[in-house]
Each structure stands twice: as structure tokens, then as C-alpha cells.
Amino acid sequence: MAVLDGQGRRVQLRARRRLPNAGQWRERRRGPLFVEIDPPRRLVFTWGWATGEMPVPPGSSTVEITLEPVPEGTLPRLVHRDLPSPEACAAHEEGWTHYTGRLAVVAAGGDPGPDPLL
């Protein structure tokens, strides 16, 4: 879910994830601020977690997505900067890899199926 403020710049994203061995849902909130929007080439926003599970406070890191035209279509590049530790880098790499893979399936017209991380 995304909610824009009256300026159309602030967004609150909500993700739900099943807790290991608990079968419960927990809502994680992260409130990115879009720093730069340059359609259709570039999107830059802040990132972080409001809960203590991940030591990346909201707004403390930056995600940059660029879209480059190539003969085969479009080459997306995602760079996540300012993560505080190797552990945070590894966790975010795993998450971005998972979700960009699912996005690629959808972009190709497929169905990625149920998300095993939810």
C-alpha cells in the first residue's frame, strides 16, 4: 500500500511478513521520501525500517533506480547506498534480488506466484 501526501512526494509503504515459527503477520513500515523523479529515466528515494529488526532507520539510506534503453529493451539498475553494515548490505541484497526477480517475471507477462517471504 502506498499513501501520497498532498505534495505528492512523501509515501508510506507497508509490507506484511509472516514471523518465523509464529504464523502471525507483522506490519513493517518504512517511509521513503522521493528525492528525485526523472521520468522515465531515474528514481531516487530514501529507505529504512521503523522497527528495530533491521538497523537501518527510516531515511538513513538511499535507493537509486535508473532505466537505460538498450537494443533488447530496458536495462534497470538498482543501487542501495549508505547501509550501515555488511549484514545490512547482505539482507537488503537478498531482498532486492528476490523482489526484482519477481518483478522481471511480471514484466515478461508471467505470474510469480505466491510470495514465499510473506
Protein backbone atom coordinates (compact mmCIF):
# COMPACT_ATOMS: atom_id res chain seq x y z
CA MET A 1 0.00 0.00 0.00
CA ALA A 2 1.31 3.47 -0.80
CA VAL A 3 -0.09 6.75 0.51
CA LEU A 4 0.94 10.08 -1.02
CA ASP A 5 0.76 13.31 0.97
CA GLY A 6 -0.77 16.47 -0.51
CA GLN A 7 2.55 17.36 -2.11
CA GLY A 8 2.70 14.02 -3.91
CA ARG A 9 6.22 13.41 -2.60
CA ARG A 10 6.08 11.51 0.67
CA VAL A 11 4.97 7.94 0.62
CA GLN A 12 4.33 5.38 3.31
CA LEU A 13 4.81 1.81 2.19
CA ARG A 14 3.51 -1.06 4.25
CA ALA A 15 4.73 -4.63 3.93
CA ARG A 16 3.47 -7.62 5.84
CA ARG A 17 5.66 -10.57 6.63
CA ARG A 18 4.99 -13.82 8.44
CA LEU A 19 7.11 -14.16 11.55
CA PRO A 20 9.24 -17.32 11.63
CA ASN A 21 7.53 -20.14 13.54
CA ALA A 22 4.79 -17.82 14.75
CA GLY A 23 2.27 -17.83 11.92
CA GLN A 24 1.48 -14.21 12.73
CA TRP A 25 1.63 -11.18 10.49
CA ARG A 26 3.60 -8.10 11.40
CA GLU A 27 3.34 -4.86 9.56
CA ARG A 28 6.61 -3.17 8.77
CA ARG A 29 6.53 0.47 7.89
CA ARG A 30 9.13 2.36 6.06
CA GLY A 31 8.58 5.91 4.95
CA PRO A 32 10.61 6.79 1.89
CA LEU A 33 10.95 10.31 0.66
CA PHE A 34 11.28 10.64 -3.09
CA VAL A 35 14.39 12.74 -3.58
CA GLU A 36 14.43 12.77 -7.38
CA ILE A 37 11.92 11.70 -10.00
CA ASP A 38 13.09 11.98 -13.61
CA PRO A 39 10.61 10.00 -15.74
CA PRO A 40 11.26 7.72 -17.43
CA ARG A 41 14.94 7.50 -16.55
CA ARG A 42 15.61 7.82 -12.83
CA LEU A 43 14.01 7.48 -9.40
CA VAL A 44 15.82 8.21 -6.13
CA PHE A 45 14.27 7.72 -2.69
CA THR A 46 15.28 7.27 0.92
CA TRP A 47 14.83 3.93 2.65
CA GLY A 48 14.77 2.46 6.14
CA TRP A 49 12.84 0.40 8.66
CA ALA A 50 10.76 1.81 11.51
CA THR A 51 11.12 -1.38 13.55
CA GLY A 52 14.30 -2.45 15.31
CA GLU A 53 14.64 -5.70 13.35
CA MET A 54 16.87 -4.05 10.75
CA PRO A 55 19.39 -1.43 11.94
CA VAL A 56 18.53 0.93 9.09
CA PRO A 57 16.37 3.80 10.42
CA PRO A 58 13.87 5.42 8.04
CA GLY A 59 15.58 7.87 5.71
CA SER A 60 19.10 6.71 6.56
CA SER A 61 19.85 5.04 3.22
CA THR A 62 19.18 5.93 -0.40
CA VAL A 63 17.93 3.80 -3.28
CA GLU A 64 18.56 4.87 -6.87
CA ILE A 65 16.85 3.16 -9.78
CA THR A 66 17.87 4.04 -13.33
CA LEU A 67 16.34 2.73 -16.53
CA GLU A 68 18.64 2.63 -19.56
CA PRO A 69 17.38 1.91 -23.09
CA VAL A 70 19.27 -0.97 -24.69
CA PRO A 71 18.64 -2.78 -28.01
CA GLU A 72 16.92 -5.65 -26.16
CA GLY A 73 14.59 -3.32 -24.22
CA THR A 74 15.39 -1.61 -20.93
CA LEU A 75 18.23 -2.25 -18.50
CA PRO A 76 17.21 -1.44 -14.92
CA ARG A 77 19.94 -0.66 -12.37
CA LEU A 78 19.27 -0.53 -8.65
CA VAL A 79 21.86 0.90 -6.25
CA HIS A 80 21.22 1.00 -2.50
CA ARG A 81 23.66 3.33 -0.69
CA ASP A 82 24.52 4.17 2.92
CA LEU A 83 23.64 0.85 4.52
CA PRO A 84 25.33 0.69 7.94
CA SER A 85 26.94 -2.76 7.95
CA PRO A 86 27.89 -5.78 5.87
CA GLU A 87 24.96 -7.65 7.47
CA ALA A 88 22.50 -4.94 6.41
CA CYS A 89 24.01 -5.00 2.89
CA ALA A 90 23.59 -8.77 2.67
CA ALA A 91 19.99 -8.69 3.94
CA HIS A 92 19.00 -5.94 1.52
CA GLU A 93 20.78 -7.64 -1.38
CA GLU A 94 18.74 -10.76 -0.66
CA GLY A 95 15.50 -8.77 -0.54
CA TRP A 96 16.18 -6.71 -3.66
CA THR A 97 17.26 -9.82 -5.57
CA HIS A 98 14.09 -11.61 -4.55
CA TYR A 99 11.72 -8.77 -5.47
CA THR A 100 13.44 -7.65 -8.66
CA GLY A 101 13.29 -11.27 -9.81
CA ARG A 102 9.55 -11.32 -9.16
CA LEU A 103 9.18 -8.00 -10.98
CA ALA A 104 11.02 -9.42 -14.01
CA VAL A 105 8.55 -12.31 -14.17
CA VAL A 106 5.61 -9.90 -14.13
CA ALA A 107 7.26 -7.61 -16.72
CA ALA A 108 7.61 -10.60 -19.03
CA GLY A 109 3.88 -11.29 -18.68
CA GLY A 110 4.22 -14.11 -16.16
CA ASP A 111 2.85 -14.79 -12.72
CA PRO A 112 5.50 -15.08 -9.98
CA GLY A 113 3.06 -16.99 -7.77
CA PRO A 114 2.69 -16.56 -4.04
CA ASP A 115 5.50 -14.66 -2.37
CA PRO A 116 7.36 -17.06 -0.06
CA LEU A 117 8.63 -14.13 2.02
CA LEU A 118 5.13 -13.08 3.01
